């Protein structure tokens, strides 16, 4: 049982670490002001939610973060075309 919980916790932390890609995507934002604003926002979100431990809440935040990352990536592709 403890091994299963450790594995779940590890997998969840890996999902969160993958969300740091949002900071890489933000680097592509053309205007410095928007880039700084988005970086500050993303960092604050990570800090604000770092103590979340409930599985359903954490999964919901990961899902929301992934959706926001995909939306930002789509917007950047459209802005470049």
PDB file of N, CA and C in Angstrom:
ATOM      1  N   UNK A   1       0.827  -1.201   0.000  1.00  0.00           N
ATOM      2  CA  UNK A   1       0.000   0.000   0.000  1.00  0.00           C
ATOM      3  C   UNK A   1       0.870   1.263   0.000  1.00  0.00           C
ATOM      4  N   UNK A   2       1.878   1.304   0.858  1.00  0.00           N
ATOM      5  CA  UNK A   2       2.750   2.474   0.932  1.00  0.00           C
ATOM      6  C   UNK A   2       3.509   2.667  -0.376  1.00  0.00           C
ATOM      7  N   UNK A   3       3.907   1.565  -1.015  1.00  0.00           N
ATOM      8  CA  UNK A   3       4.628   1.647  -2.284  1.00  0.00           C
ATOM      9  C   UNK A   3       3.744   2.255  -3.362  1.00  0.00           C
ATOM     10  N   UNK A   4       2.484   1.874  -3.373  1.00  0.00           N
ATOM     11  CA  UNK A   4       1.538   2.412  -4.348  1.00  0.00           C
ATOM     12  C   UNK A   4       1.360   3.912  -4.156  1.00  0.00           C
ATOM     13  N   UNK A   5       1.236   4.347  -2.904  1.00  0.00           N
ATOM     14  CA  UNK A   5       1.086   5.774  -2.636  1.00  0.00           C
ATOM     15  C   UNK A   5       2.335   6.544  -3.037  1.00  0.00           C
ATOM     16  N   UNK A   6       3.506   5.976  -2.783  1.00  0.00           N
ATOM     17  CA  UNK A   6       4.747   6.633  -3.170  1.00  0.00           C
ATOM     18  C   UNK A   6       4.845   6.751  -4.684  1.00  0.00           C
ATOM     19  N   UNK A   7       4.437   5.709  -5.393  1.00  0.00           N
ATOM     20  CA  UNK A   7       4.469   5.735  -6.846  1.00  0.00           C
ATOM     21  C   UNK A   7       3.509   6.787  -7.385  1.00  0.00           C
ATOM     22  N   UNK A   8       2.305   6.846  -6.827  1.00  0.00           N
ATOM     23  CA  UNK A   8       1.333   7.859  -7.259  1.00  0.00           C
ATOM     24  C   UNK A   8       1.864   9.266  -7.017  1.00  0.00           C
ATOM     25  N   UNK A   9       2.458   9.473  -5.851  1.00  0.00           N
ATOM     26  CA  UNK A   9       3.001  10.782  -5.520  1.00  0.00           C
ATOM     27  C   UNK A   9       4.134  11.151  -6.475  1.00  0.00           C
ATOM     28  N   UNK A  10       4.981  10.181  -6.790  1.00  0.00           N
ATOM     29  CA  UNK A  10       6.083  10.408  -7.726  1.00  0.00           C
ATOM     30  C   UNK A  10       5.551  10.776  -9.111  1.00  0.00           C
ATOM     31  N   UNK A  11       4.566  10.014  -9.580  1.00  0.00           N
ATOM     32  CA  UNK A  11       3.996  10.281 -10.907  1.00  0.00           C
ATOM     33  C   UNK A  11       3.342  11.661 -10.945  1.00  0.00           C
ATOM     34  N   UNK A  12       2.657  12.028  -9.875  1.00  0.00           N
ATOM     35  CA  UNK A  12       2.004  13.333  -9.821  1.00  0.00           C
ATOM     36  C   UNK A  12       3.059  14.442  -9.835  1.00  0.00           C
ATOM     37  N   UNK A  13       4.154  14.248  -9.110  1.00  0.00           N
ATOM     38  CA  UNK A  13       5.195  15.286  -9.109  1.00  0.00           C
ATOM     39  C   UNK A  13       5.834  15.410 -10.489  1.00  0.00           C
ATOM     40  N   UNK A  14       5.941  14.312 -11.214  1.00  0.00           N
ATOM     41  CA  UNK A  14       6.469  14.368 -12.577  1.00  0.00           C
ATOM     42  C   UNK A  14       5.538  15.148 -13.491  1.00  0.00           C
ATOM     43  N   UNK A  15       4.240  14.981 -13.297  1.00  0.00           N
ATOM     44  CA  UNK A  15       3.271  15.734 -14.092  1.00  0.00           C
ATOM     45  C   UNK A  15       3.401  17.235 -13.811  1.00  0.00           C
ATOM     46  N   UNK A  16       3.604  17.581 -12.549  1.00  0.00           N
ATOM     47  CA  UNK A  16       3.768  18.989 -12.187  1.00  0.00           C
ATOM     48  C   UNK A  16       5.047  19.549 -12.811  1.00  0.00           C
ATOM     49  N   UNK A  17       6.127  18.781 -12.741  1.00  0.00           N
ATOM     50  CA  UNK A  17       7.386  19.245 -13.320  1.00  0.00           C
ATOM     51  C   UNK A  17       7.258  19.480 -14.821  1.00  0.00           C
ATOM     52  N   UNK A  18       6.483  18.656 -15.497  1.00  0.00           N
ATOM     53  CA  UNK A  18       6.268  18.854 -16.926  1.00  0.00           C
ATOM     54  C   UNK A  18       5.549  20.168 -17.214  1.00  0.00           C
ATOM     55  N   UNK A  19       4.769  20.634 -16.248  1.00  0.00           N
ATOM     56  CA  UNK A  19       4.070  21.901 -16.439  1.00  0.00           C
ATOM     57  C   UNK A  19       5.022  23.095 -16.449  1.00  0.00           C
ATOM     58  N   UNK A  20       6.226  22.901 -15.958  1.00  0.00           N
ATOM     59  CA  UNK A  20       7.201  23.992 -16.019  1.00  0.00           C
ATOM     60  C   UNK A  20       7.520  24.358 -17.469  1.00  0.00           C
ATOM     61  N   UNK A  21       7.096  23.532 -18.426  1.00  0.00           N
ATOM     62  CA  UNK A  21       7.246  23.882 -19.844  1.00  0.00           C
ATOM     63  C   UNK A  21       6.529  25.177 -20.166  1.00  0.00           C
ATOM     64  N   UNK A  22       5.549  25.526 -19.335  1.00  0.00           N
ATOM     65  CA  UNK A  22       4.834  26.777 -19.579  1.00  0.00           C
ATOM     66  C   UNK A  22       5.797  27.961 -19.506  1.00  0.00           C
ATOM     67  N   UNK A  23       6.815  27.866 -18.643  1.00  0.00           N
ATOM     68  CA  UNK A  23       7.796  28.952 -18.555  1.00  0.00           C
ATOM     69  C   UNK A  23       8.621  29.044 -19.828  1.00  0.00           C
ATOM     70  N   UNK A  24       8.891  27.911 -20.451  1.00  0.00           N
ATOM     71  CA  UNK A  24       9.610  27.922 -21.731  1.00  0.00           C
ATOM     72  C   UNK A  24       8.734  28.525 -22.822  1.00  0.00           C
ATOM     73  N   UNK A  25       7.463  28.181 -22.809  1.00  0.00           N
ATOM     74  CA  UNK A  25       6.545  28.724 -23.817  1.00  0.00           C
ATOM     75  C   UNK A  25       6.404  30.231 -23.648  1.00  0.00           C
ATOM     76  N   UNK A  26       6.386  30.692 -22.410  1.00  0.00           N
ATOM     77  CA  UNK A  26       6.242  32.122 -22.148  1.00  0.00           C
ATOM     78  C   UNK A  26       7.426  32.897 -22.722  1.00  0.00           C
ATOM     79  N   UNK A  27       8.593  32.283 -22.767  1.00  0.00           N
ATOM     80  CA  UNK A  27       9.775  32.951 -23.322  1.00  0.00           C
ATOM     81  C   UNK A  27       9.555  33.376 -24.776  1.00  0.00           C
ATOM     82  N   UNK A  28       8.622  32.728 -25.454  1.00  0.00           N
ATOM     83  CA  UNK A  28       8.364  33.020 -26.859  1.00  0.00           C
ATOM     84  C   UNK A  28       7.386  34.178 -27.064  1.00  0.00           C
ATOM     85  N   UNK A  29       6.817  34.673 -25.967  1.00  0.00           N
ATOM     86  CA  UNK A  29       5.874  35.794 -26.071  1.00  0.00           C
ATOM     87  C   UNK A  29       6.648  37.017 -26.547  1.00  0.00           C
ATOM     88  N   UNK A  30       6.172  37.670 -27.608  1.00  0.00           N
ATOM     89  CA  UNK A  30       6.951  38.719 -28.257  1.00  0.00           C
ATOM     90  C   UNK A  30       7.240  39.962 -27.413  1.00  0.00           C
ATOM     91  N   UNK A  31       6.324  40.456 -26.663  1.00  0.00           N
ATOM     92  CA  UNK A  31       6.533  41.707 -25.930  1.00  0.00           C
ATOM     93  C   UNK A  31       7.035  41.410 -24.519  1.00  0.00           C
ATOM     94  N   UNK A  32       8.085  42.117 -24.130  1.00  0.00           N
ATOM     95  CA  UNK A  32       8.695  41.897 -22.821  1.00  0.00           C
ATOM     96  C   UNK A  32       7.711  42.072 -21.674  1.00  0.00           C
ATOM     97  N   UNK A  33       6.838  43.074 -21.789  1.00  0.00           N
ATOM     98  CA  UNK A  33       5.874  43.328 -20.711  1.00  0.00           C
ATOM     99  C   UNK A  33       4.986  42.112 -20.499  1.00  0.00           C
ATOM    100  N   UNK A  34       4.440  41.571 -21.581  1.00  0.00           N
ATOM    101  CA  UNK A  34       3.555  40.412 -21.468  1.00  0.00           C
ATOM    102  C   UNK A  34       4.317  39.187 -20.989  1.00  0.00           C
ATOM    103  N   UNK A  35       5.544  39.060 -21.471  1.00  0.00           N
ATOM    104  CA  UNK A  35       6.380  37.932 -21.068  1.00  0.00           C
ATOM    105  C   UNK A  35       6.607  37.975 -19.557  1.00  0.00           C
ATOM    106  N   UNK A  36       6.970  39.135 -19.026  1.00  0.00           N
ATOM    107  CA  UNK A  36       7.207  39.269 -17.588  1.00  0.00           C
ATOM    108  C   UNK A  36       5.930  39.023 -16.807  1.00  0.00           C
ATOM    109  N   UNK A  37       4.828  39.579 -17.272  1.00  0.00           N
ATOM    110  CA  UNK A  37       3.541  39.396 -16.601  1.00  0.00           C
ATOM    111  C   UNK A  37       3.179  37.910 -16.529  1.00  0.00           C
ATOM    112  N   UNK A  38       3.308  37.205 -17.649  1.00  0.00           N
ATOM    113  CA  UNK A  38       2.962  35.788 -17.682  1.00  0.00           C
ATOM    114  C   UNK A  38       3.906  34.948 -16.827  1.00  0.00           C
ATOM    115  N   UNK A  39       5.204  35.275 -16.834  1.00  0.00           N
ATOM    116  CA  UNK A  39       6.160  34.555 -15.985  1.00  0.00           C
ATOM    117  C   UNK A  39       5.806  34.728 -14.514  1.00  0.00           C
ATOM    118  N   UNK A  40       5.545  35.974 -14.132  1.00  0.00           N
ATOM    119  CA  UNK A  40       5.179  36.242 -12.738  1.00  0.00           C
ATOM    120  C   UNK A  40       3.909  35.491 -12.355  1.00  0.00           C
ATOM    121  N   UNK A  41       2.933  35.490 -13.255  1.00  0.00           N
ATOM    122  CA  UNK A  41       1.676  34.789 -12.997  1.00  0.00           C
ATOM    123  C   UNK A  41       1.921  33.290 -12.819  1.00  0.00           C
ATOM    124  N   UNK A  42       2.689  32.685 -13.722  1.00  0.00           N
ATOM    125  CA  UNK A  42       2.938  31.244 -13.653  1.00  0.00           C
ATOM    126  C   UNK A  42       3.695  30.887 -12.375  1.00  0.00           C
ATOM    127  N   UNK A  43       4.713  31.643 -12.057  1.00  0.00           N
ATOM    128  CA  UNK A  43       5.490  31.366 -10.836  1.00  0.00           C
ATOM    129  C   UNK A  43       4.620  31.490  -9.597  1.00  0.00           C
ATOM    130  N   UNK A  44       3.776  32.497  -9.569  1.00  0.00           N
ATOM    131  CA  UNK A  44       2.884  32.686  -8.418  1.00  0.00           C
ATOM    132  C   UNK A  44       1.913  31.512  -8.290  1.00  0.00           C
ATOM    133  N   UNK A  45       1.411  31.023  -9.412  1.00  0.00           N
ATOM    134  CA  UNK A  45       0.505  29.875  -9.374  1.00  0.00           C
ATOM    135  C   UNK A  45       1.211  28.635  -8.809  1.00  0.00           C
ATOM    136  N   UNK A  46       2.451  28.399  -9.245  1.00  0.00           N
ATOM    137  CA  UNK A  46       3.204  27.261  -8.713  1.00  0.00           C
ATOM    138  C   UNK A  46       3.433  27.422  -7.215  1.00  0.00           C
ATOM    139  N   UNK A  47       3.820  28.624  -6.784  1.00  0.00           N
ATOM    140  CA  UNK A  47       4.064  28.861  -5.356  1.00  0.00           C
ATOM    141  C   UNK A  47       2.785  28.695  -4.539  1.00  0.00           C
ATOM    142  N   UNK A  48       1.709  29.259  -5.062  1.00  0.00           N
ATOM    143  CA  UNK A  48       0.437  29.241  -4.330  1.00  0.00           C
ATOM    144  C   UNK A  48      -0.086  27.817  -4.131  1.00  0.00           C
ATOM    145  N   UNK A  49       0.185  26.958  -5.083  1.00  0.00           N
ATOM    146  CA  UNK A  49      -0.382  25.614  -5.041  1.00  0.00           C
ATOM    147  C   UNK A  49       0.606  24.530  -4.634  1.00  0.00           C
ATOM    148  N   UNK A  50       1.808  24.904  -4.241  1.00  0.00           N
ATOM    149  CA  UNK A  50       2.819  23.892  -3.948  1.00  0.00           C
ATOM    150  C   UNK A  50       2.489  23.030  -2.737  1.00  0.00           C
ATOM    151  N   UNK A  51       1.648  23.507  -1.850  1.00  0.00           N
ATOM    152  CA  UNK A  51       1.322  22.720  -0.659  1.00  0.00           C
ATOM    153  C   UNK A  51       0.066  21.863  -0.847  1.00  0.00           C
ATOM    154  N   UNK A  52      -0.521  21.880  -2.013  1.00  0.00           N
ATOM    155  CA  UNK A  52      -1.722  21.078  -2.267  1.00  0.00           C
ATOM    156  C   UNK A  52      -1.369  19.594  -2.211  1.00  0.00           C
ATOM    157  N   UNK A  53      -2.146  18.835  -1.460  1.00  0.00           N
ATOM    158  CA  UNK A  53      -1.851  17.410  -1.300  1.00  0.00           C
ATOM    159  C   UNK A  53      -3.018  16.503  -1.675  1.00  0.00           C
ATOM    160  N   UNK A  54      -4.218  17.037  -1.685  1.00  0.00           N
ATOM    161  CA  UNK A  54      -5.374  16.200  -2.007  1.00  0.00           C
ATOM    162  C   UNK A  54      -5.319  15.792  -3.474  1.00  0.00           C
ATOM    163  N   UNK A  55      -5.476  14.505  -3.697  1.00  0.00           N
ATOM    164  CA  UNK A  55      -5.274  13.949  -5.037  1.00  0.00           C
ATOM    165  C   UNK A  55      -6.206  14.545  -6.084  1.00  0.00           C
ATOM    166  N   UNK A  56      -7.488  14.664  -5.774  1.00  0.00           N
ATOM    167  CA  UNK A  56      -8.423  15.174  -6.780  1.00  0.00           C
ATOM    168  C   UNK A  56      -8.170  16.643  -7.092  1.00  0.00           C
ATOM    169  N   UNK A  57      -7.819  17.422  -6.078  1.00  0.00           N
ATOM    170  CA  UNK A  57      -7.528  18.841  -6.313  1.00  0.00           C
ATOM    171  C   UNK A  57      -6.248  18.983  -7.127  1.00  0.00           C
ATOM    172  N   UNK A  58      -5.236  18.215  -6.768  1.00  0.00           N
ATOM    173  CA  UNK A  58      -3.968  18.268  -7.488  1.00  0.00           C
ATOM    174  C   UNK A  58      -4.156  17.873  -8.940  1.00  0.00           C
ATOM    175  N   UNK A  59      -4.919  16.817  -9.184  1.00  0.00           N
ATOM    176  CA  UNK A  59      -5.155  16.375 -10.554  1.00  0.00           C
ATOM    177  C   UNK A  59      -5.910  17.427 -11.352  1.00  0.00           C
ATOM    178  N   UNK A  60      -6.861  18.079 -10.706  1.00  0.00           N
ATOM    179  CA  UNK A  60      -7.617  19.137 -11.368  1.00  0.00           C
ATOM    180  C   UNK A  60      -6.696  20.305 -11.752  1.00  0.00           C
ATOM    181  N   UNK A  61      -5.777  20.671 -10.859  1.00  0.00           N
ATOM    182  CA  UNK A  61      -4.842  21.761 -11.155  1.00  0.00           C
ATOM    183  C   UNK A  61      -3.891  21.370 -12.286  1.00  0.00           C
ATOM    184  N   UNK A  62      -3.457  20.120 -12.304  1.00  0.00           N
ATOM    185  CA  UNK A  62      -2.576  19.652 -13.387  1.00  0.00           C
ATOM    186  C   UNK A  62      -3.311  19.700 -14.719  1.00  0.00           C
ATOM    187  N   UNK A  63      -4.543  19.240 -14.722  1.00  0.00           N
ATOM    188  CA  UNK A  63      -5.353  19.273 -15.943  1.00  0.00           C
ATOM    189  C   UNK A  63      -5.551  20.706 -16.424  1.00  0.00           C
ATOM    190  N   UNK A  64      -5.870  21.601 -15.507  1.00  0.00           N
ATOM    191  CA  UNK A  64      -6.061  23.007 -15.869  1.00  0.00           C
ATOM    192  C   UNK A  64      -4.756  23.606 -16.391  1.00  0.00           C
ATOM    193  N   UNK A  65      -3.651  23.299 -15.757  1.00  0.00           N
ATOM    194  CA  UNK A  65      -2.358  23.809 -16.207  1.00  0.00           C
ATOM    195  C   UNK A  65      -2.007  23.323 -17.602  1.00  0.00           C
ATOM    196  N   UNK A  66      -2.286  22.055 -17.879  1.00  0.00           N
ATOM    197  CA  UNK A  66      -2.022  21.506 -19.214  1.00  0.00           C
ATOM    198  C   UNK A  66      -2.887  22.185 -20.263  1.00  0.00           C
ATOM    199  N   UNK A  67      -4.133  22.461 -19.920  1.00  0.00           N
ATOM    200  CA  UNK A  67      -5.014  23.153 -20.864  1.00  0.00           C
ATOM    201  C   UNK A  67      -4.503  24.565 -21.128  1.00  0.00           C
ATOM    202  N   UNK A  68      -4.046  25.247 -20.093  1.00  0.00           N
ATOM    203  CA  UNK A  68      -3.522  26.599 -20.267  1.00  0.00           C
ATOM    204  C   UNK A  68      -2.247  26.589 -21.093  1.00  0.00           C
ATOM    205  N   UNK A  69      -1.405  25.594 -20.888  1.00  0.00           N
ATOM    206  CA  UNK A  69      -0.183  25.466 -21.678  1.00  0.00           C
ATOM    207  C   UNK A  69      -0.513  25.251 -23.149  1.00  0.00           C
ATOM    208  N   UNK A  70      -1.444  24.361 -23.440  1.00  0.00           N
ATOM    209  CA  UNK A  70      -1.835  24.100 -24.829  1.00  0.00           C
ATOM    210  C   UNK A  70      -2.425  25.350 -25.468  1.00  0.00           C
ATOM    211  N   UNK A  71      -3.226  26.087 -24.715  1.00  0.00           N
ATOM    212  CA  UNK A  71      -3.833  27.313 -25.241  1.00  0.00           C
ATOM    213  C   UNK A  71      -2.755  28.353 -25.552  1.00  0.00           C
ATOM    214  N   UNK A  72      -1.773  28.479 -24.664  1.00  0.00           N
ATOM    215  CA  UNK A  72      -0.679  29.422 -24.904  1.00  0.00           C
ATOM    216  C   UNK A  72       0.114  29.011 -26.131  1.00  0.00           C
ATOM    217  N   UNK A  73       0.397  27.733 -26.271  1.00  0.00           N
ATOM    218  CA  UNK A  73       1.139  27.262 -27.435  1.00  0.00           C
ATOM    219  C   UNK A  73       0.375  27.509 -28.721  1.00  0.00           C
ATOM    220  N   UNK A  74      -0.945  27.301 -28.718  1.00  0.00           N
ATOM    221  CA  UNK A  74      -1.753  27.575 -29.904  1.00  0.00           C
ATOM    222  C   UNK A  74      -1.729  29.059 -30.244  1.00  0.00           C
ATOM    223  N   UNK A  75      -1.842  29.894 -29.234  1.00  0.00           N
ATOM    224  CA  UNK A  75      -1.824  31.339 -29.447  1.00  0.00           C
ATOM    225  C   UNK A  75      -0.496  31.789 -30.030  1.00  0.00           C
ATOM    226  N   UNK A  76       0.598  31.214 -29.542  1.00  0.00           N
ATOM    227  CA  UNK A  76       1.916  31.588 -30.058  1.00  0.00           C
ATOM    228  C   UNK A  76       2.077  31.159 -31.517  1.00  0.00           C
ATOM    229  N   UNK A  77       1.551  30.001 -31.866  1.00  0.00           N
ATOM    230  CA  UNK A  77       1.622  29.541 -33.261  1.00  0.00           C
ATOM    231  C   UNK A  77       0.828  30.490 -34.150  1.00  0.00           C
ATOM    232  N   UNK A  78      -0.359  30.876 -33.701  1.00  0.00           N
ATOM    233  CA  UNK A  78      -1.178  31.806 -34.489  1.00  0.00           C
ATOM    234  C   UNK A  78      -0.501  33.168 -34.620  1.00  0.00           C
ATOM    235  N   UNK A  79       0.154  33.620 -33.558  1.00  0.00           N
ATOM    236  CA  UNK A  79       0.816  34.926 -33.596  1.00  0.00           C
ATOM    237  C   UNK A  79       1.986  34.932 -34.560  1.00  0.00           C
ATOM    238  N   UNK A  80       2.629  33.783 -34.741  1.00  0.00           N
ATOM    239  CA  UNK A  80       3.785  33.703 -35.637  1.00  0.00           C
ATOM    240  C   UNK A  80       3.380  33.599 -37.095  1.00  0.00           C
ATOM    241  N   UNK A  81       2.144  33.194 -37.349  1.00  0.00           N
ATOM    242  CA  UNK A  81       1.728  33.016 -38.756  1.00  0.00           C
ATOM    243  C   UNK A  81       1.103  34.268 -39.340  1.00  0.00           C
TER     244      UNK A  81
END
